[in-house]
Amino acid sequence: MENLRKGEESEEVEIDLDSSEDCDSGEDPEVLWKKAPPAFQEEDSIHTSALVEISDTKPLINSRDPRGINDALKVNFEDVIAEPAAVRSGDRVWLWSHALFEVSRVWIYRAASVLLAVPLSIITGLMFALLSCLHIWMVGPCLQCVLVGTRWLQSLWSIVMDVIVQPLFTSASRCCGGFSVHLAKE
């Protein structure tokens, strides 16, 4: 009862393992009990410390590619190596090569990510922080100054487009709209 969170109610469920009323297949209830798949708790109901519950990284652990950026890297053994029916190696060779492919792919990736993930994440974090700072404090204000200073030029350009260019192209489109081209084979 101490592990319950606020707002959660406990619900008691009685399970009668001694009765054989629910046993349709004629098997012993204890055998059926052992065959039942284990019930896994949902991730939201797992009791964790308060520090982990307020962490910003907790949702990122389960969905590491939520936008599908690296869909092209979802590679299986059958996507890389495939034997046609006419040419086949031995079954043991195929099984061992499949196992070695999967093990080496997983463990080499893990080793490379241990060596490279932390330094590269620091470098990319630093780069994006600098770019954000430059954009917020330098590029944005400079663009606003240019836009404020050239507001009259924007108005002039809009007038030129409405008075000269639009009527010119409208009349040209009406003149050329009457032409039709017919292609015929000789």
Protein backbone atom coordinates (compact mmCIF):
# COMPACT_ATOMS: atom_id res chain seq x y z
CA MET A 1 0.00 0.00 0.00
CA GLU A 2 2.93 2.37 0.61
CA ASN A 3 4.05 2.15 -3.01
CA LEU A 4 0.77 3.54 -4.40
CA ARG A 5 0.95 6.89 -6.06
CA LYS A 6 -1.51 9.68 -5.41
CA GLY A 7 -4.81 9.20 -7.19
CA GLU A 8 -4.35 5.45 -7.76
CA GLU A 9 -6.74 3.03 -6.17
CA SER A 10 -5.86 -0.51 -5.31
CA GLU A 11 -8.05 -3.27 -6.58
CA GLU A 12 -8.05 -6.75 -5.09
CA VAL A 13 -8.56 -9.73 -7.36
CA GLU A 14 -9.17 -13.25 -6.12
CA ILE A 15 -7.77 -16.15 -8.11
CA ASP A 16 -8.94 -19.62 -7.26
CA LEU A 17 -6.25 -22.07 -8.35
CA ASP A 18 -7.92 -25.07 -6.76
CA SER A 19 -11.16 -25.11 -8.75
CA SER A 20 -11.20 -26.89 -12.08
CA GLU A 21 -14.31 -25.17 -13.46
CA ASP A 22 -12.39 -23.07 -15.99
CA CYS A 23 -10.34 -25.99 -17.27
CA ASP A 24 -11.89 -26.74 -20.68
CA SER A 25 -9.01 -28.73 -22.13
CA GLY A 26 -8.99 -31.33 -19.40
CA GLU A 27 -5.52 -30.36 -18.19
CA ASP A 28 -4.58 -29.85 -14.59
CA PRO A 29 -5.11 -26.20 -13.49
CA GLU A 30 -1.54 -26.03 -12.22
CA VAL A 31 -0.27 -26.93 -15.70
CA LEU A 32 -2.42 -24.18 -17.20
CA TRP A 33 -1.11 -21.75 -14.58
CA LYS A 34 2.48 -22.54 -15.59
CA LYS A 35 1.66 -22.12 -19.32
CA ALA A 36 0.14 -18.68 -18.85
CA PRO A 37 2.31 -15.87 -20.24
CA PRO A 38 3.76 -13.54 -17.63
CA ALA A 39 1.88 -10.28 -17.12
CA PHE A 40 4.11 -7.28 -17.66
CA GLN A 41 3.33 -4.00 -15.98
CA GLU A 42 2.85 -1.00 -18.17
CA GLU A 43 5.74 1.41 -18.16
CA ASP A 44 3.65 4.19 -16.61
CA SER A 45 2.87 2.09 -13.55
CA ILE A 46 6.48 1.18 -12.79
CA HIS A 47 7.52 2.67 -9.48
CA THR A 48 10.62 4.79 -9.85
CA SER A 49 12.31 7.41 -7.79
CA ALA A 50 11.05 10.99 -7.84
CA LEU A 51 14.24 12.15 -9.57
CA VAL A 52 13.66 9.82 -12.53
CA GLU A 53 9.97 10.79 -12.77
CA ILE A 54 10.78 14.48 -13.26
CA SER A 55 13.65 13.83 -15.65
CA ASP A 56 13.48 15.30 -19.15
CA THR A 57 15.26 12.31 -20.68
CA LYS A 58 12.87 9.58 -19.51
CA PRO A 59 10.55 9.78 -22.56
CA LEU A 60 13.53 9.80 -24.93
CA ILE A 61 14.80 6.44 -23.73
CA ASN A 62 11.86 4.47 -25.17
CA SER A 63 11.39 6.22 -28.50
CA ARG A 64 14.88 6.95 -29.75
CA ASP A 65 13.83 7.74 -33.33
CA PRO A 66 10.27 9.07 -33.05
CA ARG A 67 10.37 10.93 -36.37
CA GLY A 68 11.88 8.04 -38.33
CA ILE A 69 15.02 9.91 -39.33
CA ASN A 70 17.07 6.72 -39.63
CA ASP A 71 14.56 4.40 -41.30
CA ALA A 72 17.15 3.54 -43.95
CA LEU A 73 19.36 1.97 -41.25
CA LYS A 74 16.83 -0.69 -40.27
CA VAL A 75 18.87 -3.50 -41.83
CA ASN A 76 18.39 -7.20 -41.22
CA PHE A 77 20.54 -10.11 -42.32
CA GLU A 78 18.09 -10.98 -45.12
CA ASP A 79 18.36 -7.41 -46.48
CA VAL A 80 22.11 -7.77 -46.95
CA ILE A 81 22.76 -11.44 -47.70
CA ALA A 82 20.32 -13.58 -49.65
CA GLU A 83 20.97 -16.89 -51.37
CA PRO A 84 18.91 -17.85 -54.39
CA ALA A 85 17.39 -21.33 -54.58
CA ALA A 86 19.90 -22.46 -57.21
CA VAL A 87 22.99 -21.67 -55.10
CA ARG A 88 22.90 -22.55 -51.42
CA SER A 89 25.45 -23.01 -48.69
CA GLY A 90 25.07 -25.51 -45.90
CA ASP A 91 22.44 -24.92 -43.25
CA ARG A 92 25.03 -24.63 -40.48
CA VAL A 93 27.02 -22.07 -42.48
CA TRP A 94 23.86 -20.04 -43.04
CA LEU A 95 22.87 -20.16 -39.35
CA TRP A 96 26.37 -19.28 -38.10
CA SER A 97 26.79 -16.46 -40.60
CA HIS A 98 23.39 -15.07 -39.59
CA ALA A 99 24.31 -15.25 -35.90
CA LEU A 100 27.75 -13.70 -36.45
CA PHE A 101 26.24 -10.91 -38.57
CA GLU A 102 23.73 -9.99 -35.88
CA VAL A 103 26.19 -10.23 -32.99
CA SER A 104 28.91 -8.25 -34.76
CA ARG A 105 26.42 -5.60 -35.94
CA VAL A 106 25.06 -5.07 -32.46
CA TRP A 107 28.33 -5.16 -30.52
CA ILE A 108 30.40 -3.11 -32.96
CA TYR A 109 27.65 -0.47 -32.95
CA ARG A 110 27.61 -0.48 -29.15
CA ALA A 111 31.40 -0.15 -28.94
CA ALA A 112 31.50 2.63 -31.53
CA SER A 113 28.66 4.48 -29.82
CA VAL A 114 30.44 4.24 -26.45
CA LEU A 115 33.57 5.74 -27.97
CA LEU A 116 31.93 8.35 -30.20
CA ALA A 117 28.50 9.24 -28.78
CA VAL A 118 29.58 11.38 -25.85
CA PRO A 119 32.25 13.47 -27.66
CA LEU A 120 30.07 13.96 -30.75
CA SER A 121 27.04 14.91 -28.66
CA ILE A 122 29.13 17.49 -26.83
CA ILE A 123 30.47 18.89 -30.12
CA THR A 124 27.04 19.03 -31.78
CA GLY A 125 25.46 20.52 -28.65
CA LEU A 126 28.17 23.21 -28.59
CA MET A 127 27.70 23.89 -32.31
CA PHE A 128 23.92 24.22 -32.07
CA ALA A 129 24.22 26.39 -28.96
CA LEU A 130 26.62 28.74 -30.76
CA LEU A 131 24.44 28.85 -33.88
CA SER A 132 21.35 29.55 -31.78
CA CYS A 133 23.14 32.30 -29.88
CA LEU A 134 24.40 33.90 -33.10
CA HIS A 135 20.97 33.71 -34.68
CA ILE A 136 19.15 35.11 -31.65
CA TRP A 137 21.60 37.90 -30.77
CA MET A 138 23.18 38.80 -34.15
CA VAL A 139 21.28 37.64 -37.24
CA GLY A 140 17.74 38.30 -35.96
CA PRO A 141 18.34 41.88 -34.80
CA CYS A 142 20.33 42.72 -37.96
CA LEU A 143 17.51 41.43 -40.17
CA GLN A 144 14.97 43.45 -38.19
CA CYS A 145 17.10 46.60 -38.64
CA VAL A 146 17.31 45.97 -42.39
CA LEU A 147 13.56 45.34 -42.64
CA VAL A 148 12.72 48.49 -40.68
CA GLY A 149 15.16 50.54 -42.76
CA THR A 150 13.87 49.23 -46.09
CA ARG A 151 10.13 49.33 -45.40
CA TRP A 152 9.81 52.16 -47.96
CA LEU A 153 11.60 49.99 -50.55
CA GLN A 154 9.11 47.17 -49.95
CA SER A 155 6.22 49.58 -50.52
CA LEU A 156 7.82 50.96 -53.70
CA TRP A 157 8.45 47.44 -55.02
CA SER A 158 4.83 46.47 -54.33
CA ILE A 159 3.58 49.55 -56.22
CA VAL A 160 5.87 48.82 -59.23
CA MET A 161 4.65 45.23 -59.36
CA ASP A 162 0.98 46.24 -59.15
CA VAL A 163 1.17 49.15 -61.61
CA ILE A 164 3.65 47.96 -64.27
CA VAL A 165 4.45 44.25 -64.13
CA GLN A 166 1.05 42.73 -63.33
CA PRO A 167 -0.86 44.56 -66.15
CA LEU A 168 1.94 43.76 -68.61
CA PHE A 169 1.87 40.04 -67.90
CA THR A 170 -1.93 39.96 -67.71
CA SER A 171 -2.23 41.48 -71.20
CA ALA A 172 0.49 39.15 -72.55
CA SER A 173 -1.35 36.12 -71.17
CA ARG A 174 -4.62 37.23 -72.78
CA CYS A 175 -2.88 37.78 -76.12
CA CYS A 176 -1.18 34.41 -76.04
CA GLY A 177 -4.24 32.64 -74.67
CA GLY A 178 -5.86 32.56 -78.08
CA PHE A 179 -3.06 30.59 -79.72
CA SER A 180 -3.41 26.85 -80.02
CA VAL A 181 -0.89 24.38 -81.33
CA HIS A 182 -1.92 21.13 -83.02
CA LEU A 183 0.64 18.42 -83.71
CA ALA A 184 -0.02 16.00 -86.52
CA LYS A 185 1.99 13.06 -87.81
CA GLU A 186 2.76 13.05 -91.52
